[in-house]
C-alpha atoms as a PDB file:
ATOM      1  CA  MET A   1     -21.449 -68.924 -42.291  1.00  0.00           C
ATOM      2  CA  ASN A   2     -19.939 -70.605 -39.238  1.00  0.00           C
ATOM      3  CA  PHE A   3     -19.043 -74.215 -40.153  1.00  0.00           C
ATOM      4  CA  SER A   4     -20.634 -75.781 -37.059  1.00  0.00           C
ATOM      5  CA  LEU A   5     -23.796 -73.719 -37.583  1.00  0.00           C
ATOM      6  CA  GLY A   6     -23.948 -74.862 -41.191  1.00  0.00           C
ATOM      7  CA  MET A   7     -23.629 -78.490 -40.099  1.00  0.00           C
ATOM      8  CA  PHE A   8     -26.374 -77.991 -37.509  1.00  0.00           C
ATOM      9  CA  GLN A   9     -28.735 -76.526 -40.098  1.00  0.00           C
ATOM     10  CA  THR A  10     -27.930 -79.275 -42.589  1.00  0.00           C
ATOM     11  CA  TYR A  11     -28.700 -81.874 -39.930  1.00  0.00           C
ATOM     12  CA  PHE A  12     -32.025 -80.246 -39.121  1.00  0.00           C
ATOM     13  CA  ARG A  13     -32.981 -79.928 -42.789  1.00  0.00           C
ATOM     14  CA  PHE A  14     -32.615 -83.670 -43.347  1.00  0.00           C
ATOM     15  CA  TYR A  15     -34.016 -84.588 -39.916  1.00  0.00           C
ATOM     16  CA  SER A  16     -37.184 -82.542 -40.468  1.00  0.00           C
ATOM     17  CA  ARG A  17     -37.863 -84.258 -43.774  1.00  0.00           C
ATOM     18  CA  ALA A  18     -37.195 -87.774 -42.501  1.00  0.00           C
ATOM     19  CA  PHE A  19     -38.929 -87.349 -39.113  1.00  0.00           C
ATOM     20  CA  PRO A  20     -41.198 -84.255 -39.271  1.00  0.00           C
ATOM     21  CA  SER A  21     -42.826 -84.823 -35.887  1.00  0.00           C
ATOM     22  CA  GLY A  22     -39.563 -85.437 -34.046  1.00  0.00           C
ATOM     23  CA  ALA A  23     -37.923 -82.393 -35.626  1.00  0.00           C
ATOM     24  CA  ALA A  24     -40.934 -80.230 -34.736  1.00  0.00           C
ATOM     25  CA  GLN A  25     -40.813 -81.355 -31.102  1.00  0.00           C
ATOM     26  CA  LYS A  26     -37.094 -80.620 -30.945  1.00  0.00           C
ATOM     27  CA  ALA A  27     -37.674 -77.193 -32.496  1.00  0.00           C
ATOM     28  CA  VAL A  28     -40.265 -76.383 -29.800  1.00  0.00           C
ATOM     29  CA  GLN A  29     -37.751 -77.414 -27.116  1.00  0.00           C
ATOM     30  CA  LEU A  30     -35.085 -75.182 -28.646  1.00  0.00           C
ATOM     31  CA  MET A  31     -37.494 -72.267 -29.060  1.00  0.00           C
ATOM     32  CA  THR A  32     -38.653 -72.400 -25.435  1.00  0.00           C
ATOM     33  CA  ARG A  33     -35.276 -72.790 -23.726  1.00  0.00           C
ATOM     34  CA  PRO A  34     -33.642 -69.426 -22.884  1.00  0.00           C
ATOM     35  CA  ARG A  35     -29.927 -69.234 -23.682  1.00  0.00           C
ATOM     36  CA  LEU A  36     -28.602 -67.036 -20.905  1.00  0.00           C
ATOM     37  CA  ARG A  37     -25.341 -67.222 -18.990  1.00  0.00           C
ATOM     38  CA  GLN A  38     -25.404 -66.770 -15.217  1.00  0.00           C
ATOM     39  CA  GLU A  39     -23.304 -63.588 -15.256  1.00  0.00           C
ATOM     40  CA  LYS A  40     -25.926 -61.927 -17.456  1.00  0.00           C
ATOM     41  CA  ARG A  41     -28.768 -63.096 -15.229  1.00  0.00           C
ATOM     42  CA  SER A  42     -27.221 -61.239 -12.292  1.00  0.00           C
ATOM     43  CA  ALA A  43     -25.894 -58.241 -14.244  1.00  0.00           C
ATOM     44  CA  ALA A  44     -26.951 -54.777 -12.988  1.00  0.00           C
ATOM     45  CA  GLN A  45     -28.691 -56.182  -9.909  1.00  0.00           C
ATOM     46  CA  ASP A  46     -26.642 -53.756  -7.792  1.00  0.00           C
ATOM     47  CA  LEU A  47     -28.636 -50.917  -9.367  1.00  0.00           C
ATOM     48  CA  PHE A  48     -31.751 -52.071  -7.524  1.00  0.00           C
ATOM     49  CA  GLU A  49     -32.685 -51.848  -3.858  1.00  0.00           C
ATOM     50  CA  ARG A  50     -34.494 -55.174  -3.802  1.00  0.00           C
ATOM     51  CA  THR A  51     -35.860 -58.020  -5.883  1.00  0.00           C
ATOM     52  CA  ILE A  52     -39.118 -59.727  -4.993  1.00  0.00           C
ATOM     53  CA  SER A  53     -40.905 -62.832  -6.211  1.00  0.00           C
ATOM     54  CA  LEU A  54     -44.330 -62.466  -7.806  1.00  0.00           C
ATOM     55  CA  GLY A  55     -44.822 -66.228  -7.913  1.00  0.00           C
ATOM     56  CA  ASP A  56     -44.723 -68.723 -10.789  1.00  0.00           C
ATOM     57  CA  GLY A  57     -41.053 -67.997 -11.464  1.00  0.00           C
ATOM     58  CA  VAL A  58     -41.599 -64.252 -12.000  1.00  0.00           C
ATOM     59  CA  HIS A  59     -39.290 -61.763 -10.248  1.00  0.00           C
ATOM     60  CA  LEU A  60     -39.376 -57.987 -10.042  1.00  0.00           C
ATOM     61  CA  SER A  61     -36.426 -55.716  -9.231  1.00  0.00           C
ATOM     62  CA  LEU A  62     -37.232 -52.267  -7.818  1.00  0.00           C
ATOM     63  CA  ARG A  63     -35.244 -49.034  -7.777  1.00  0.00           C
ATOM     64  CA  GLY A  64     -36.158 -45.555  -6.597  1.00  0.00           C
ATOM     65  CA  SER A  65     -39.026 -44.020  -4.660  1.00  0.00           C
ATOM     66  CA  GLY A  66     -40.654 -41.702  -7.181  1.00  0.00           C
ATOM     67  CA  GLN A  67     -44.410 -41.438  -7.589  1.00  0.00           C
ATOM     68  CA  LYS A  68     -44.137 -42.192 -11.305  1.00  0.00           C
ATOM     69  CA  LYS A  69     -43.810 -45.835 -12.273  1.00  0.00           C
ATOM     70  CA  MET A  70     -41.652 -47.242 -15.088  1.00  0.00           C
ATOM     71  CA  LEU A  71     -41.759 -50.883 -16.159  1.00  0.00           C
ATOM     72  CA  LEU A  72     -38.820 -52.435 -18.028  1.00  0.00           C
ATOM     73  CA  LEU A  73     -39.053 -55.760 -19.862  1.00  0.00           C
ATOM     74  CA  HIS A  74     -36.207 -57.339 -21.812  1.00  0.00           C
ATOM     75  CA  GLY A  75     -36.616 -59.777 -24.676  1.00  0.00           C
ATOM     76  CA  TRP A  76     -36.088 -63.496 -25.123  1.00  0.00           C
ATOM     77  CA  SER A  77     -32.830 -64.617 -23.475  1.00  0.00           C
ATOM     78  CA  GLY A  78     -32.423 -60.999 -22.352  1.00  0.00           C
ATOM     79  CA  TRP A  79     -31.501 -59.485 -18.994  1.00  0.00           C
ATOM     80  CA  ILE A  80     -32.097 -56.246 -17.110  1.00  0.00           C
ATOM     81  CA  GLY A  81     -28.467 -55.206 -17.553  1.00  0.00           C
ATOM     82  CA  GLN A  82     -29.366 -54.328 -21.135  1.00  0.00           C
ATOM     83  CA  PHE A  83     -31.299 -51.358 -19.702  1.00  0.00           C
ATOM     84  CA  GLU A  84     -28.446 -50.135 -17.487  1.00  0.00           C
ATOM     85  CA  ASP A  85     -27.744 -46.990 -19.539  1.00  0.00           C
ATOM     86  CA  LEU A  86     -31.414 -46.022 -19.434  1.00  0.00           C
ATOM     87  CA  ILE A  87     -31.762 -46.803 -15.728  1.00  0.00           C
ATOM     88  CA  GLN A  88     -28.777 -44.579 -14.927  1.00  0.00           C
ATOM     89  CA  ARG A  89     -30.524 -41.660 -16.642  1.00  0.00           C
ATOM     90  CA  VAL A  90     -33.808 -42.018 -14.739  1.00  0.00           C
ATOM     91  CA  ASP A  91     -34.145 -39.916 -11.576  1.00  0.00           C
ATOM     92  CA  PRO A  92     -34.974 -42.323  -8.709  1.00  0.00           C
ATOM     93  CA  ALA A  93     -36.698 -39.484  -6.888  1.00  0.00           C
ATOM     94  CA  GLU A  94     -39.083 -39.049  -9.809  1.00  0.00           C
ATOM     95  CA  TYR A  95     -39.563 -42.665 -10.896  1.00  0.00           C
ATOM     96  CA  THR A  96     -39.824 -46.028  -9.241  1.00  0.00           C
ATOM     97  CA  VAL A  97     -38.341 -48.444 -11.769  1.00  0.00           C
ATOM     98  CA  TYR A  98     -39.784 -51.946 -11.945  1.00  0.00           C
ATOM     99  CA  ALA A  99     -37.533 -54.319 -13.910  1.00  0.00           C
ATOM    100  CA  LEU A 100     -39.311 -57.538 -14.760  1.00  0.00           C
ATOM    101  CA  HIS A 101     -37.783 -61.027 -15.003  1.00  0.00           C
ATOM    102  CA  PRO A 102     -40.206 -63.529 -16.597  1.00  0.00           C
ATOM    103  CA  GLU A 103     -39.987 -67.247 -15.952  1.00  0.00           C
ATOM    104  CA  GLY A 104     -36.724 -68.718 -17.207  1.00  0.00           C
ATOM    105  CA  HIS A 105     -34.873 -65.405 -16.839  1.00  0.00           C
ATOM    106  CA  GLY A 106     -33.163 -63.541 -14.004  1.00  0.00           C
ATOM    107  CA  ASP A 107     -33.362 -65.490 -10.747  1.00  0.00           C
ATOM    108  CA  SER A 108     -35.856 -67.999 -12.133  1.00  0.00           C
ATOM    109  CA  ALA A 109     -34.552 -71.558 -12.110  1.00  0.00           C
ATOM    110  CA  ALA A 110     -37.104 -72.705 -14.693  1.00  0.00           C
ATOM    111  CA  PRO A 111     -35.359 -74.191 -17.759  1.00  0.00           C
ATOM    112  CA  GLN A 112     -38.097 -73.131 -20.165  1.00  0.00           C
ATOM    113  CA  SER A 113     -40.235 -70.126 -20.997  1.00  0.00           C
ATOM    114  CA  HIS A 114     -42.315 -68.758 -23.877  1.00  0.00           C
ATOM    115  CA  PRO A 115     -44.310 -65.658 -24.955  1.00  0.00           C
ATOM    116  CA  GLY A 116     -47.229 -66.619 -22.728  1.00  0.00           C
ATOM    117  CA  ARG A 117     -44.952 -66.481 -19.700  1.00  0.00           C
ATOM    118  CA  PHE A 118     -43.852 -62.967 -20.658  1.00  0.00           C
ATOM    119  CA  ILE A 119     -47.492 -61.880 -20.860  1.00  0.00           C
ATOM    120  CA  GLU A 120     -48.262 -63.475 -17.493  1.00  0.00           C
ATOM    121  CA  ALA A 121     -45.261 -61.690 -15.977  1.00  0.00           C
ATOM    122  CA  VAL A 122     -46.492 -58.296 -17.198  1.00  0.00           C
ATOM    123  CA  LEU A 123     -49.947 -58.953 -15.773  1.00  0.00           C
ATOM    124  CA  ALA A 124     -48.398 -59.950 -12.438  1.00  0.00           C
ATOM    125  CA  ALA A 125     -46.359 -56.724 -12.366  1.00  0.00           C
ATOM    126  CA  ARG A 126     -49.458 -54.695 -13.235  1.00  0.00           C
ATOM    127  CA  ASN A 127     -51.360 -56.300 -10.355  1.00  0.00           C
ATOM    128  CA  TYR A 128     -48.453 -55.683  -7.980  1.00  0.00           C
ATOM    129  CA  ALA A 129     -48.214 -52.002  -8.949  1.00  0.00           C
ATOM    130  CA  GLY A 130     -51.931 -51.600  -8.385  1.00  0.00           C
ATOM    131  CA  ALA A 131     -52.315 -48.917 -11.038  1.00  0.00           C
ATOM    132  CA  PRO A 132     -51.234 -48.254 -14.631  1.00  0.00           C
ATOM    133  CA  PHE A 133     -47.536 -47.596 -15.192  1.00  0.00           C
ATOM    134  CA  ASP A 134     -46.657 -44.114 -16.388  1.00  0.00           C
ATOM    135  CA  VAL A 135     -44.359 -45.664 -18.971  1.00  0.00           C
ATOM    136  CA  ALA A 136     -43.283 -49.146 -20.033  1.00  0.00           C
ATOM    137  CA  VAL A 137     -40.194 -49.909 -22.107  1.00  0.00           C
ATOM    138  CA  GLY A 138     -39.914 -53.274 -23.836  1.00  0.00           C
ATOM    139  CA  HIS A 139     -37.239 -54.795 -26.042  1.00  0.00           C
ATOM    140  CA  SER A 140     -37.937 -57.474 -28.662  1.00  0.00           C
ATOM    141  CA  LEU A 141     -40.324 -60.101 -27.211  1.00  0.00           C
ATOM    142  CA  GLY A 142     -40.739 -57.826 -24.202  1.00  0.00           C
ATOM    143  CA  ALA A 143     -42.159 -55.156 -26.502  1.00  0.00           C
ATOM    144  CA  ALA A 144     -44.636 -57.649 -27.969  1.00  0.00           C
ATOM    145  CA  ALA A 145     -45.809 -58.712 -24.504  1.00  0.00           C
ATOM    146  CA  LEU A 146     -46.435 -55.082 -23.515  1.00  0.00           C
ATOM    147  CA  VAL A 147     -48.577 -54.503 -26.599  1.00  0.00           C
ATOM    148  CA  TYR A 148     -50.619 -57.633 -25.945  1.00  0.00           C
ATOM    149  CA  VAL A 149     -51.292 -56.666 -22.322  1.00  0.00           C
ATOM    150  CA  GLU A 150     -52.192 -53.074 -23.226  1.00  0.00           C
ATOM    151  CA  ALA A 151     -54.702 -54.420 -25.737  1.00  0.00           C
ATOM    152  CA  MET A 152     -56.254 -56.526 -22.951  1.00  0.00           C
ATOM    153  CA  GLN A 153     -56.471 -53.729 -20.372  1.00  0.00           C
ATOM    154  CA  GLU A 154     -55.148 -50.185 -20.120  1.00  0.00           C
ATOM    155  CA  SER A 155     -51.890 -50.655 -18.228  1.00  0.00           C
ATOM    156  CA  PHE A 156     -49.431 -48.038 -19.554  1.00  0.00           C
ATOM    157  CA  ARG A 157     -49.804 -44.314 -20.140  1.00  0.00           C
ATOM    158  CA  ARG A 158     -46.878 -44.376 -22.579  1.00  0.00           C
ATOM    159  CA  LEU A 159     -45.187 -47.219 -24.403  1.00  0.00           C
ATOM    160  CA  VAL A 160     -41.650 -47.480 -25.754  1.00  0.00           C
ATOM    161  CA  LEU A 161     -41.139 -50.448 -28.075  1.00  0.00           C
ATOM    162  CA  VAL A 162     -37.537 -51.171 -29.034  1.00  0.00           C
ATOM    163  CA  ALA A 163     -36.781 -53.698 -31.798  1.00  0.00           C
ATOM    164  CA  GLY A 164     -40.137 -55.398 -31.361  1.00  0.00           C
ATOM    165  CA  PRO A 165     -41.926 -57.746 -33.782  1.00  0.00           C
ATOM    166  CA  ALA A 166     -45.249 -57.183 -35.530  1.00  0.00           C
ATOM    167  CA  THR A 167     -46.412 -60.782 -35.121  1.00  0.00           C
ATOM    168  CA  ILE A 168     -45.258 -63.771 -33.104  1.00  0.00           C
ATOM    169  CA  GLU A 169     -45.995 -65.936 -36.128  1.00  0.00           C
ATOM    170  CA  GLY A 170     -43.283 -64.021 -37.970  1.00  0.00           C
ATOM    171  CA  VAL A 171     -40.834 -64.761 -35.142  1.00  0.00           C
ATOM    172  CA  LEU A 172     -41.679 -68.461 -35.326  1.00  0.00           C
ATOM    173  CA  ASP A 173     -41.418 -68.500 -39.115  1.00  0.00           C
ATOM    174  CA  ARG A 174     -37.937 -66.990 -38.963  1.00  0.00           C
ATOM    175  CA  PHE A 175     -36.884 -69.594 -36.409  1.00  0.00           C
ATOM    176  CA  ALA A 176     -38.251 -72.342 -38.658  1.00  0.00           C
ATOM    177  CA  ASP A 177     -36.294 -70.832 -41.553  1.00  0.00           C
ATOM    178  CA  PHE A 178     -33.150 -70.804 -39.407  1.00  0.00           C
ATOM    179  CA  LEU A 179     -33.599 -74.511 -38.653  1.00  0.00           C
ATOM    180  CA  LYS A 180     -34.370 -75.256 -42.315  1.00  0.00           C
ATOM    181  CA  LEU A 181     -37.561 -77.074 -41.330  1.00  0.00           C
ATOM    182  CA  GLY A 182     -39.500 -78.825 -44.076  1.00  0.00           C
ATOM    183  CA  SER A 183     -43.108 -77.780 -44.748  1.00  0.00           C
ATOM    184  CA  LYS A 184     -44.755 -80.566 -42.706  1.00  0.00           C
ATOM    185  CA  SER A 185     -42.359 -80.147 -39.795  1.00  0.00           C
ATOM    186  CA  ARG A 186     -42.893 -76.365 -39.900  1.00  0.00           C
ATOM    187  CA  LYS A 187     -46.663 -76.764 -39.533  1.00  0.00           C
ATOM    188  CA  LEU A 188     -46.222 -79.189 -36.649  1.00  0.00           C
ATOM    189  CA  PHE A 189     -43.764 -76.776 -35.017  1.00  0.00           C
ATOM    190  CA  LEU A 190     -46.255 -73.894 -35.177  1.00  0.00           C
ATOM    191  CA  ARG A 191     -49.027 -76.081 -33.739  1.00  0.00           C
ATOM    192  CA  GLY A 192     -46.655 -77.297 -31.027  1.00  0.00           C
ATOM    193  CA  MET A 193     -45.824 -73.724 -30.050  1.00  0.00           C
ATOM    194  CA  GLU A 194     -49.526 -72.822 -29.932  1.00  0.00           C
ATOM    195  CA  LYS A 195     -50.154 -75.755 -27.592  1.00  0.00           C
ATOM    196  CA  THR A 196     -47.201 -74.788 -25.392  1.00  0.00           C
ATOM    197  CA  VAL A 197     -48.125 -71.104 -25.194  1.00  0.00           C
ATOM    198  CA  GLY A 198     -51.851 -71.750 -24.913  1.00  0.00           C
ATOM    199  CA  LEU A 199     -52.715 -69.178 -27.583  1.00  0.00           C
ATOM    200  CA  LYS A 200     -53.269 -69.369 -31.319  1.00  0.00           C
ATOM    201  CA  VAL A 201     -50.694 -67.378 -33.261  1.00  0.00           C
ATOM    202  CA  GLU A 202     -53.547 -65.222 -34.595  1.00  0.00           C
ATOM    203  CA  ARG A 203     -54.169 -64.015 -31.031  1.00  0.00           C
ATOM    204  CA  LEU A 204     -50.577 -62.749 -30.935  1.00  0.00           C
ATOM    205  CA  ASP A 205     -50.897 -60.694 -34.107  1.00  0.00           C
ATOM    206  CA  LEU A 206     -49.941 -57.212 -32.908  1.00  0.00           C
ATOM    207  CA  LEU A 207     -51.079 -55.677 -36.199  1.00  0.00           C
ATOM    208  CA  ALA A 208     -54.617 -56.707 -35.285  1.00  0.00           C
ATOM    209  CA  LEU A 209     -54.277 -55.546 -31.659  1.00  0.00           C
ATOM    210  CA  ALA A 210     -52.624 -52.154 -32.288  1.00  0.00           C
ATOM    211  CA  PRO A 211     -55.696 -50.217 -33.558  1.00  0.00           C
ATOM    212  CA  GLY A 212     -57.441 -50.751 -30.216  1.00  0.00           C
ATOM    213  CA  ILE A 213     -54.581 -49.202 -28.230  1.00  0.00           C
ATOM    214  CA  LYS A 214     -55.150 -45.573 -27.248  1.00  0.00           C
ATOM    215  CA  THR A 215     -51.883 -44.857 -25.452  1.00  0.00           C
ATOM    216  CA  SER A 216     -48.997 -42.982 -27.088  1.00  0.00           C
ATOM    217  CA  VAL A 217     -46.288 -45.230 -28.533  1.00  0.00           C
ATOM    218  CA  LEU A 218     -42.638 -44.539 -29.359  1.00  0.00           C
ATOM    219  CA  MET A 219     -41.069 -47.189 -31.569  1.00  0.00           C
ATOM    220  CA  ILE A 220     -37.301 -47.473 -32.107  1.00  0.00           C
ATOM    221  CA  HIS A 221     -35.865 -49.962 -34.584  1.00  0.00           C
ATOM    222  CA  ASP A 222     -32.591 -50.373 -36.414  1.00  0.00           C
ATOM    223  CA  ALA A 223     -32.648 -50.541 -40.200  1.00  0.00           C
ATOM    224  CA  GLU A 224     -30.047 -53.336 -40.085  1.00  0.00           C
ATOM    225  CA  ASP A 225     -31.725 -55.474 -37.424  1.00  0.00           C
ATOM    226  CA  ARG A 226     -31.123 -59.071 -38.541  1.00  0.00           C
ATOM    227  CA  GLU A 227     -33.432 -60.682 -35.991  1.00  0.00           C
ATOM    228  CA  ILE A 228     -36.583 -58.626 -36.539  1.00  0.00           C
ATOM    229  CA  PRO A 229     -36.741 -56.734 -39.859  1.00  0.00           C
ATOM    230  CA  VAL A 230     -37.408 -53.010 -39.650  1.00  0.00           C
ATOM    231  CA  ALA A 231     -40.281 -53.553 -42.098  1.00  0.00           C
ATOM    232  CA  GLU A 232     -42.228 -55.055 -39.186  1.00  0.00           C
ATOM    233  CA  ALA A 233     -41.825 -51.877 -37.141  1.00  0.00           C
ATOM    234  CA  ARG A 234     -42.880 -49.747 -40.099  1.00  0.00           C
ATOM    235  CA  SER A 235     -46.003 -51.826 -40.595  1.00  0.00           C
ATOM    236  CA  LEU A 236     -46.887 -51.917 -36.900  1.00  0.00           C
ATOM    237  CA  SER A 237     -46.392 -48.162 -36.549  1.00  0.00           C
ATOM    238  CA  GLU A 238     -49.102 -47.574 -39.133  1.00  0.00           C
ATOM    239  CA  HIS A 239     -51.614 -49.570 -37.088  1.00  0.00           C
ATOM    240  CA  PHE A 240     -51.309 -47.639 -33.809  1.00  0.00           C
ATOM    241  CA  ARG A 241     -53.542 -44.619 -33.274  1.00  0.00           C
ATOM    242  CA  ASP A 242     -50.706 -42.481 -31.893  1.00  0.00           C
ATOM    243  CA  SER A 243     -47.153 -43.581 -32.668  1.00  0.00           C
ATOM    244  CA  LEU A 244     -43.762 -42.290 -33.699  1.00  0.00           C
ATOM    245  CA  LEU A 245     -41.147 -44.522 -35.326  1.00  0.00           C
ATOM    246  CA  LEU A 246     -37.462 -43.646 -35.031  1.00  0.00           C
ATOM    247  CA  GLU A 247     -35.084 -45.650 -37.203  1.00  0.00           C
ATOM    248  CA  THR A 248     -31.411 -46.053 -36.357  1.00  0.00           C
ATOM    249  CA  ARG A 249     -28.549 -47.489 -38.402  1.00  0.00           C
ATOM    250  CA  SER A 250     -25.694 -49.904 -37.705  1.00  0.00           C
ATOM    251  CA  LEU A 251     -26.876 -50.742 -34.171  1.00  0.00           C
ATOM    252  CA  GLY A 252     -28.502 -54.106 -34.828  1.00  0.00           C
ATOM    253  CA  HIS A 253     -30.973 -55.826 -32.543  1.00  0.00           C
ATOM    254  CA  SER A 254     -29.354 -55.618 -29.095  1.00  0.00           C
ATOM    255  CA  ARG A 255     -26.753 -52.834 -29.137  1.00  0.00           C
ATOM    256  CA  ILE A 256     -29.549 -50.367 -29.825  1.00  0.00           C
ATOM    257  CA  LEU A 257     -30.261 -50.256 -26.078  1.00  0.00           C
ATOM    258  CA  GLN A 258     -26.759 -48.969 -25.352  1.00  0.00           C
ATOM    259  CA  ASN A 259     -26.780 -46.149 -27.888  1.00  0.00           C
ATOM    260  CA  PRO A 260     -26.686 -42.661 -26.255  1.00  0.00           C
ATOM    261  CA  GLU A 261     -28.964 -41.103 -28.893  1.00  0.00           C
ATOM    262  CA  VAL A 262     -31.535 -43.842 -28.388  1.00  0.00           C
ATOM    263  CA  ILE A 263     -31.457 -43.231 -24.630  1.00  0.00           C
ATOM    264  CA  ASP A 264     -31.793 -39.475 -25.249  1.00  0.00           C
ATOM    265  CA  ASN A 265     -34.878 -40.085 -27.380  1.00  0.00           C
ATOM    266  CA  ILE A 266     -36.484 -42.302 -24.750  1.00  0.00           C
ATOM    267  CA  ILE A 267     -35.804 -39.777 -21.977  1.00  0.00           C
ATOM    268  CA  GLY A 268     -37.079 -36.943 -24.146  1.00  0.00           C
ATOM    269  CA  TYR A 269     -40.246 -38.863 -24.969  1.00  0.00           C
ATOM    270  CA  ILE A 270     -41.157 -39.737 -21.401  1.00  0.00           C
ATOM    271  CA  SER A 271     -40.288 -36.233 -20.199  1.00  0.00           C
ATOM    272  CA  ALA A 272     -42.452 -34.415 -22.740  1.00  0.00           C
ATOM    273  CA  PRO A 273     -45.858 -33.169 -21.559  1.00  0.00           C
ATOM    274  CA  ALA A 274     -48.687 -35.569 -22.305  1.00  0.00           C
ATOM    275  CA  ALA A 275     -50.889 -34.668 -25.239  1.00  0.00           C
ATOM    276  CA  THR A 276     -54.254 -33.261 -24.309  1.00  0.00           C
END
């Protein structure tokens, strides 16, 4: 373990036991502040013809003129450049690609964001498009937001979920574990996140939402993902009506989007005739 990281965790362990409320508030601040360097925010923007504002800190980059519509949504502290290899493989004459930047990401100057902002961004993109997307590809938290929106209203004809979680509560629990929060501070942290997001964690349980989703789903997850365990993908896959789970190895949580075989599988999936 990195020495400075170990010191940070030791500090938080003692802080959360001495001052549970203060530690919980600090944990919420850390959890809702994207960690994203400026060069990543602007990466791959030259692939797009234009970027527009959808209001409330949400931006949308557009590429191509095809009749089919593809929505791309990165994860927490992510950026559209992570999809560059996929974007390069998509024919701009066949697809119009919509790359979404939620509040706190991309060109947004907002210092904070959270899962609710990702959901709001997807809904704004859906309203802008005016019709369901032919396919949506989400990574990590982006994948979770796509599932939530699809459960609310039919918005995507096909879904590709890469390294996504099964529950937001699980994401928060792992963050609390990382900070070594004590039991009281952990409970206050979860309640603080619910207040910030405006949704109970039970509402963000994708395992409960998945059975109501009719669209076809391709799930891709690495067996050695240290941020979101592959067991979550396996469990979530069983709850969808129509899903396929592909497991990779030695790619981790983020590099999976740059793997040629993963890109091949995504292209093959969206190119295959729809089931009748």
